[in-house]
Amino acid sequence: MAVADNAITLAITGASGAPYAMRLLECLLQQQQQVHLLMSSAARVVFATELDWQLPAAPKAMGDALRSRFNVSETQLQVYGKEQWFSPVASGSAAPKRMIICPCSTGTLSAIACGASNTLLERAADVVIKERGQLIVVPREMPLSALHLENMLKLAQLGVTVMPAAPGFYHQPQSIDDLIDFVVARLLDHLNLEQKLQPRWGYGEES
């Protein structure tokens, strides 16, 4: 069976930035993308802290909770555990050609940069790189050490797009949601998906 053109892997790690991940997931599902979701244990802790949402640890229960929240089918949203090695994202013959890690912890960044595949999330990223697909990482850390910068450079040289969660202010945001949408809009732009969250430069009301 061929990989669906609208298939995408979304990975969520333990860096701060759960609201970015939730908004991005919402937008991908609204655009009828087939999402393969990977979430680390640390990400669940961050979700509880930043969104006050205790997601179940078991992949099936987590998938049920997310599908209920977004009112989508299991076909459209699938959730995998960190050791589900027989899932599609683990193999170059079946994995989606697009993957976003949002937010991306510096630990995950390091693991991917050195080719570690200790978890399904790391393996999925390794697959996208070796298959020359589109991998976007969204680091959320400050300040950045030389190690972080070296890992970002290494990934960028492999064709990975590094997009730090750094919202702009020239659109005069009025709320935290506006700042979240700024980052998510840029991610959707890089996926060549239509978005109305933020106008592209030169096409807004100010032009």
C-alpha atoms as a PDB file:
ATOM      1  CA  MET A   1       0.000   0.000   0.000  1.00  0.00           C
ATOM      2  CA  ALA A   2       1.406   3.402  -0.983  1.00  0.00           C
ATOM      3  CA  VAL A   3       2.013   6.069   1.625  1.00  0.00           C
ATOM      4  CA  ALA A   4      -0.812   8.618   1.494  1.00  0.00           C
ATOM      5  CA  ASP A   5       0.150  12.013   0.088  1.00  0.00           C
ATOM      6  CA  ASN A   6      -1.523  13.695   3.058  1.00  0.00           C
ATOM      7  CA  ALA A   7       0.321  11.594   5.659  1.00  0.00           C
ATOM      8  CA  ILE A   8       2.535  13.377   8.166  1.00  0.00           C
ATOM      9  CA  THR A   9       4.317  12.399  11.361  1.00  0.00           C
ATOM     10  CA  LEU A  10       3.964  14.796  14.274  1.00  0.00           C
ATOM     11  CA  ALA A  11       6.266  14.218  17.228  1.00  0.00           C
ATOM     12  CA  ILE A  12       5.918  16.054  20.539  1.00  0.00           C
ATOM     13  CA  THR A  13       8.777  16.050  23.046  1.00  0.00           C
ATOM     14  CA  GLY A  14       9.339  17.406  26.535  1.00  0.00           C
ATOM     15  CA  ALA A  15      10.444  20.935  25.659  1.00  0.00           C
ATOM     16  CA  SER A  16       8.174  23.771  26.748  1.00  0.00           C
ATOM     17  CA  GLY A  17       5.654  24.590  24.044  1.00  0.00           C
ATOM     18  CA  ALA A  18       2.676  22.251  24.376  1.00  0.00           C
ATOM     19  CA  PRO A  19       0.299  24.978  23.088  1.00  0.00           C
ATOM     20  CA  TYR A  20       2.240  25.057  19.804  1.00  0.00           C
ATOM     21  CA  ALA A  21       1.856  21.302  19.448  1.00  0.00           C
ATOM     22  CA  MET A  22      -1.867  21.307  20.185  1.00  0.00           C
ATOM     23  CA  ARG A  23      -2.596  24.144  17.770  1.00  0.00           C
ATOM     24  CA  LEU A  24      -0.521  22.526  15.043  1.00  0.00           C
ATOM     25  CA  LEU A  25      -2.268  19.182  15.536  1.00  0.00           C
ATOM     26  CA  GLU A  26      -5.639  20.925  15.363  1.00  0.00           C
ATOM     27  CA  CYS A  27      -4.736  22.691  12.106  1.00  0.00           C
ATOM     28  CA  LEU A  28      -3.345  19.535  10.488  1.00  0.00           C
ATOM     29  CA  LEU A  29      -6.508  17.608  11.304  1.00  0.00           C
ATOM     30  CA  GLN A  30      -8.711  20.445  10.052  1.00  0.00           C
ATOM     31  CA  GLN A  31      -6.863  20.213   6.737  1.00  0.00           C
ATOM     32  CA  GLN A  32      -7.621  16.489   6.525  1.00  0.00           C
ATOM     33  CA  GLN A  33      -4.026  15.448   7.018  1.00  0.00           C
ATOM     34  CA  GLN A  34      -3.444  11.865   8.131  1.00  0.00           C
ATOM     35  CA  VAL A  35      -1.429  12.345  11.326  1.00  0.00           C
ATOM     36  CA  HIS A  36       0.880   9.741  12.852  1.00  0.00           C
ATOM     37  CA  LEU A  37       1.461  11.035  16.371  1.00  0.00           C
ATOM     38  CA  LEU A  38       4.423  10.286  18.627  1.00  0.00           C
ATOM     39  CA  MET A  39       4.606  11.733  22.128  1.00  0.00           C
ATOM     40  CA  SER A  40       7.401  11.263  24.645  1.00  0.00           C
ATOM     41  CA  SER A  41       6.798  10.644  28.343  1.00  0.00           C
ATOM     42  CA  ALA A  42       8.274  14.054  29.138  1.00  0.00           C
ATOM     43  CA  ALA A  43       5.817  15.656  26.708  1.00  0.00           C
ATOM     44  CA  ARG A  44       2.922  14.264  28.740  1.00  0.00           C
ATOM     45  CA  VAL A  45       4.366  15.957  31.831  1.00  0.00           C
ATOM     46  CA  VAL A  46       4.630  19.246  29.935  1.00  0.00           C
ATOM     47  CA  PHE A  47       1.034  18.890  28.694  1.00  0.00           C
ATOM     48  CA  ALA A  48      -0.141  18.481  32.276  1.00  0.00           C
ATOM     49  CA  THR A  49       1.883  21.521  33.345  1.00  0.00           C
ATOM     50  CA  GLU A  50       1.156  23.911  30.478  1.00  0.00           C
ATOM     51  CA  LEU A  51      -2.311  22.802  29.363  1.00  0.00           C
ATOM     52  CA  ASP A  52      -3.602  21.214  32.578  1.00  0.00           C
ATOM     53  CA  TRP A  53      -4.387  18.076  30.591  1.00  0.00           C
ATOM     54  CA  GLN A  54      -3.390  14.648  31.904  1.00  0.00           C
ATOM     55  CA  LEU A  55      -3.099  12.470  28.813  1.00  0.00           C
ATOM     56  CA  PRO A  56      -3.140   8.691  29.325  1.00  0.00           C
ATOM     57  CA  ALA A  57       0.207   6.924  28.984  1.00  0.00           C
ATOM     58  CA  ALA A  58      -1.101   4.007  26.915  1.00  0.00           C
ATOM     59  CA  PRO A  59      -1.054   4.834  23.166  1.00  0.00           C
ATOM     60  CA  LYS A  60      -4.570   3.496  22.543  1.00  0.00           C
ATOM     61  CA  ALA A  61      -6.085   5.462  25.431  1.00  0.00           C
ATOM     62  CA  MET A  62      -4.158   8.568  24.410  1.00  0.00           C
ATOM     63  CA  GLY A  63      -5.379   8.184  20.849  1.00  0.00           C
ATOM     64  CA  ASP A  64      -8.968   7.799  22.024  1.00  0.00           C
ATOM     65  CA  ALA A  65      -8.690  10.965  24.128  1.00  0.00           C
ATOM     66  CA  LEU A  66      -7.223  13.024  21.294  1.00  0.00           C
ATOM     67  CA  ARG A  67      -9.638  11.710  18.671  1.00  0.00           C
ATOM     68  CA  SER A  68     -12.534  12.524  20.975  1.00  0.00           C
ATOM     69  CA  ARG A  69     -11.243  16.056  21.529  1.00  0.00           C
ATOM     70  CA  PHE A  70     -10.815  16.769  17.819  1.00  0.00           C
ATOM     71  CA  ASN A  71     -13.702  14.607  16.633  1.00  0.00           C
ATOM     72  CA  VAL A  72     -11.691  12.635  14.089  1.00  0.00           C
ATOM     73  CA  SER A  73     -11.426   8.970  13.165  1.00  0.00           C
ATOM     74  CA  GLU A  74      -8.685   6.483  13.917  1.00  0.00           C
ATOM     75  CA  THR A  75      -7.806   6.542  10.231  1.00  0.00           C
ATOM     76  CA  GLN A  76      -7.002  10.240  10.429  1.00  0.00           C
ATOM     77  CA  LEU A  77      -5.149  10.213  13.764  1.00  0.00           C
ATOM     78  CA  GLN A  78      -3.002   7.307  14.922  1.00  0.00           C
ATOM     79  CA  VAL A  79      -0.890   7.314  18.076  1.00  0.00           C
ATOM     80  CA  TYR A  80       2.120   5.064  18.632  1.00  0.00           C
ATOM     81  CA  GLY A  81       4.134   4.124  21.691  1.00  0.00           C
ATOM     82  CA  LYS A  82       7.883   4.682  21.946  1.00  0.00           C
ATOM     83  CA  GLU A  83       8.672   1.013  21.216  1.00  0.00           C
ATOM     84  CA  GLN A  84       6.084   0.182  18.546  1.00  0.00           C
ATOM     85  CA  TRP A  85       8.763  -0.852  16.063  1.00  0.00           C
ATOM     86  CA  PHE A  86       6.254  -2.368  13.650  1.00  0.00           C
ATOM     87  CA  SER A  87       4.449   0.939  13.105  1.00  0.00           C
ATOM     88  CA  PRO A  88       4.678   2.556   9.647  1.00  0.00           C
ATOM     89  CA  VAL A  89       6.904   5.418  10.808  1.00  0.00           C
ATOM     90  CA  ALA A  90       9.710   2.967  11.647  1.00  0.00           C
ATOM     91  CA  SER A  91      10.342   1.932   8.058  1.00  0.00           C
ATOM     92  CA  GLY A  92      11.387   3.847   4.975  1.00  0.00           C
ATOM     93  CA  SER A  93       8.970   1.751   2.930  1.00  0.00           C
ATOM     94  CA  ALA A  94       5.923   2.981   4.847  1.00  0.00           C
ATOM     95  CA  ALA A  95       6.749   6.169   6.759  1.00  0.00           C
ATOM     96  CA  PRO A  96       5.264   9.535   5.751  1.00  0.00           C
ATOM     97  CA  LYS A  97       7.736  11.680   3.829  1.00  0.00           C
ATOM     98  CA  ARG A  98       7.027  14.654   6.101  1.00  0.00           C
ATOM     99  CA  MET A  99       7.698  14.956   9.834  1.00  0.00           C
ATOM    100  CA  ILE A 100       7.574  17.782  12.351  1.00  0.00           C
ATOM    101  CA  ILE A 101       8.953  17.650  15.888  1.00  0.00           C
ATOM    102  CA  CYS A 102       7.143  20.393  17.777  1.00  0.00           C
ATOM    103  CA  PRO A 103       8.411  21.301  20.261  1.00  0.00           C
ATOM    104  CA  CYS A 104      11.802  19.626  19.942  1.00  0.00           C
ATOM    105  CA  SER A 105      13.848  19.213  23.105  1.00  0.00           C
ATOM    106  CA  THR A 106      17.603  19.650  22.899  1.00  0.00           C
ATOM    107  CA  GLY A 107      17.977  16.035  24.033  1.00  0.00           C
ATOM    108  CA  THR A 108      15.932  14.865  21.044  1.00  0.00           C
ATOM    109  CA  LEU A 109      17.890  17.216  18.813  1.00  0.00           C
ATOM    110  CA  SER A 110      21.128  15.632  20.003  1.00  0.00           C
ATOM    111  CA  ALA A 111      19.864  12.071  19.542  1.00  0.00           C
ATOM    112  CA  ILE A 112      18.759  12.735  15.980  1.00  0.00           C
ATOM    113  CA  ALA A 113      21.978  14.580  15.099  1.00  0.00           C
ATOM    114  CA  CYS A 114      24.095  11.596  16.154  1.00  0.00           C
ATOM    115  CA  GLY A 115      21.824   9.007  14.506  1.00  0.00           C
ATOM    116  CA  ALA A 116      20.500   7.397  17.685  1.00  0.00           C
ATOM    117  CA  SER A 117      17.306   5.414  17.295  1.00  0.00           C
ATOM    118  CA  ASN A 118      16.627   4.399  20.873  1.00  0.00           C
ATOM    119  CA  THR A 119      12.937   5.308  20.653  1.00  0.00           C
ATOM    120  CA  LEU A 120      10.386   5.197  17.861  1.00  0.00           C
ATOM    121  CA  LEU A 121      10.425   9.000  17.726  1.00  0.00           C
ATOM    122  CA  GLU A 122      14.183   9.055  17.093  1.00  0.00           C
ATOM    123  CA  ARG A 123      13.894   6.233  14.562  1.00  0.00           C
ATOM    124  CA  ALA A 124      11.099   8.043  12.706  1.00  0.00           C
ATOM    125  CA  ALA A 125      13.285  11.130  12.339  1.00  0.00           C
ATOM    126  CA  ASP A 126      16.213   8.989  11.196  1.00  0.00           C
ATOM    127  CA  VAL A 127      13.977   7.399   8.552  1.00  0.00           C
ATOM    128  CA  VAL A 128      12.847  10.749   7.161  1.00  0.00           C
ATOM    129  CA  ILE A 129      16.457  11.948   6.920  1.00  0.00           C
ATOM    130  CA  LYS A 130      17.748   8.805   5.214  1.00  0.00           C
ATOM    131  CA  GLU A 131      14.795   8.754   2.811  1.00  0.00           C
ATOM    132  CA  ARG A 132      15.457  12.428   2.010  1.00  0.00           C
ATOM    133  CA  GLY A 133      12.032  13.520   3.144  1.00  0.00           C
ATOM    134  CA  GLN A 134      11.034  16.769   4.865  1.00  0.00           C
ATOM    135  CA  LEU A 135      11.935  17.033   8.541  1.00  0.00           C
ATOM    136  CA  ILE A 136      11.169  20.192  10.523  1.00  0.00           C
ATOM    137  CA  VAL A 137      12.349  20.611  14.102  1.00  0.00           C
ATOM    138  CA  VAL A 138      11.043  23.330  16.420  1.00  0.00           C
ATOM    139  CA  PRO A 139      13.568  23.834  19.236  1.00  0.00           C
ATOM    140  CA  ARG A 140      12.394  25.739  22.321  1.00  0.00           C
ATOM    141  CA  GLU A 141      15.334  26.496  24.540  1.00  0.00           C
ATOM    142  CA  MET A 142      17.327  29.515  25.740  1.00  0.00           C
ATOM    143  CA  PRO A 143      20.119  30.270  25.986  1.00  0.00           C
ATOM    144  CA  LEU A 144      21.623  27.915  23.430  1.00  0.00           C
ATOM    145  CA  SER A 145      24.947  26.259  24.164  1.00  0.00           C
ATOM    146  CA  ALA A 146      27.598  25.481  21.565  1.00  0.00           C
ATOM    147  CA  LEU A 147      26.425  21.856  21.689  1.00  0.00           C
ATOM    148  CA  HIS A 148      22.867  22.869  20.762  1.00  0.00           C
ATOM    149  CA  LEU A 149      24.094  25.081  17.933  1.00  0.00           C
ATOM    150  CA  GLU A 150      26.426  22.381  16.604  1.00  0.00           C
ATOM    151  CA  ASN A 151      23.577  19.870  16.543  1.00  0.00           C
ATOM    152  CA  MET A 152      21.318  22.326  14.720  1.00  0.00           C
ATOM    153  CA  LEU A 153      24.046  23.033  12.165  1.00  0.00           C
ATOM    154  CA  LYS A 154      24.628  19.321  11.644  1.00  0.00           C
ATOM    155  CA  LEU A 155      20.930  18.726  10.997  1.00  0.00           C
ATOM    156  CA  ALA A 156      20.635  21.778   8.747  1.00  0.00           C
ATOM    157  CA  GLN A 157      23.509  20.459   6.641  1.00  0.00           C
ATOM    158  CA  LEU A 158      21.502  17.235   6.224  1.00  0.00           C
ATOM    159  CA  GLY A 159      18.544  19.187   4.864  1.00  0.00           C
ATOM    160  CA  VAL A 160      16.539  19.438   8.082  1.00  0.00           C
ATOM    161  CA  THR A 161      14.636  22.703   8.551  1.00  0.00           C
ATOM    162  CA  VAL A 162      15.328  24.241  11.955  1.00  0.00           C
ATOM    163  CA  MET A 163      12.510  26.573  13.009  1.00  0.00           C
ATOM    164  CA  PRO A 164      12.887  27.809  16.601  1.00  0.00           C
ATOM    165  CA  ALA A 165       9.651  28.752  18.346  1.00  0.00           C
ATOM    166  CA  ALA A 166      10.349  32.484  18.004  1.00  0.00           C
ATOM    167  CA  PRO A 167       7.162  34.428  17.206  1.00  0.00           C
ATOM    168  CA  GLY A 168       7.395  37.852  15.616  1.00  0.00           C
ATOM    169  CA  PHE A 169       5.727  41.001  16.917  1.00  0.00           C
ATOM    170  CA  TYR A 170       5.363  43.128  13.804  1.00  0.00           C
ATOM    171  CA  HIS A 171       1.754  41.971  13.432  1.00  0.00           C
ATOM    172  CA  GLN A 172       0.981  43.494  16.853  1.00  0.00           C
ATOM    173  CA  PRO A 173      -0.265  40.378  18.646  1.00  0.00           C
ATOM    174  CA  GLN A 174      -3.076  40.930  21.113  1.00  0.00           C
ATOM    175  CA  SER A 175      -2.967  37.597  22.920  1.00  0.00           C
ATOM    176  CA  ILE A 176      -0.894  34.502  23.583  1.00  0.00           C
ATOM    177  CA  ASP A 177      -2.997  32.737  20.957  1.00  0.00           C
ATOM    178  CA  ASP A 178      -1.762  35.252  18.372  1.00  0.00           C
ATOM    179  CA  LEU A 179       1.843  34.379  19.229  1.00  0.00           C
ATOM    180  CA  ILE A 180       1.101  30.659  18.996  1.00  0.00           C
ATOM    181  CA  ASP A 181      -0.620  31.112  15.649  1.00  0.00           C
ATOM    182  CA  PHE A 182       2.373  33.030  14.290  1.00  0.00           C
ATOM    183  CA  VAL A 183       4.660  30.018  14.778  1.00  0.00           C
ATOM    184  CA  VAL A 184       2.085  27.470  13.610  1.00  0.00           C
ATOM    185  CA  ALA A 185       1.362  29.533  10.490  1.00  0.00           C
ATOM    186  CA  ARG A 186       5.039  29.464   9.528  1.00  0.00           C
ATOM    187  CA  LEU A 187       5.106  25.685  10.010  1.00  0.00           C
ATOM    188  CA  LEU A 188       2.073  25.257   7.771  1.00  0.00           C
ATOM    189  CA  ASP A 189       3.693  27.514   5.176  1.00  0.00           C
ATOM    190  CA  HIS A 190       6.736  25.236   5.066  1.00  0.00           C
ATOM    191  CA  LEU A 191       4.447  22.233   4.590  1.00  0.00           C
ATOM    192  CA  ASN A 192       2.807  24.036   1.638  1.00  0.00           C
ATOM    193  CA  LEU A 193      -0.542  23.877   3.396  1.00  0.00           C
ATOM    194  CA  GLU A 194      -3.046  26.698   3.165  1.00  0.00           C
ATOM    195  CA  GLN A 195      -3.425  28.721   6.324  1.00  0.00           C
ATOM    196  CA  LYS A 196      -5.353  31.801   7.375  1.00  0.00           C
ATOM    197  CA  LEU A 197      -3.779  32.176  10.805  1.00  0.00           C
ATOM    198  CA  GLN A 198      -1.383  34.928   9.692  1.00  0.00           C
ATOM    199  CA  PRO A 199      -1.123  36.841   6.402  1.00  0.00           C
ATOM    200  CA  ARG A 200       2.118  36.435   4.489  1.00  0.00           C
ATOM    201  CA  TRP A 201       4.428  39.439   4.506  1.00  0.00           C
ATOM    202  CA  GLY A 202       3.181  42.120   2.123  1.00  0.00           C
ATOM    203  CA  TYR A 203      -0.346  40.662   1.954  1.00  0.00           C
ATOM    204  CA  GLY A 204      -1.738  41.864   5.283  1.00  0.00           C
ATOM    205  CA  GLU A 205      -3.946  44.840   6.037  1.00  0.00           C
ATOM    206  CA  GLU A 206      -0.907  47.035   6.591  1.00  0.00           C
ATOM    207  CA  SER A 207       0.087  46.617   2.930  1.00  0.00           C
END
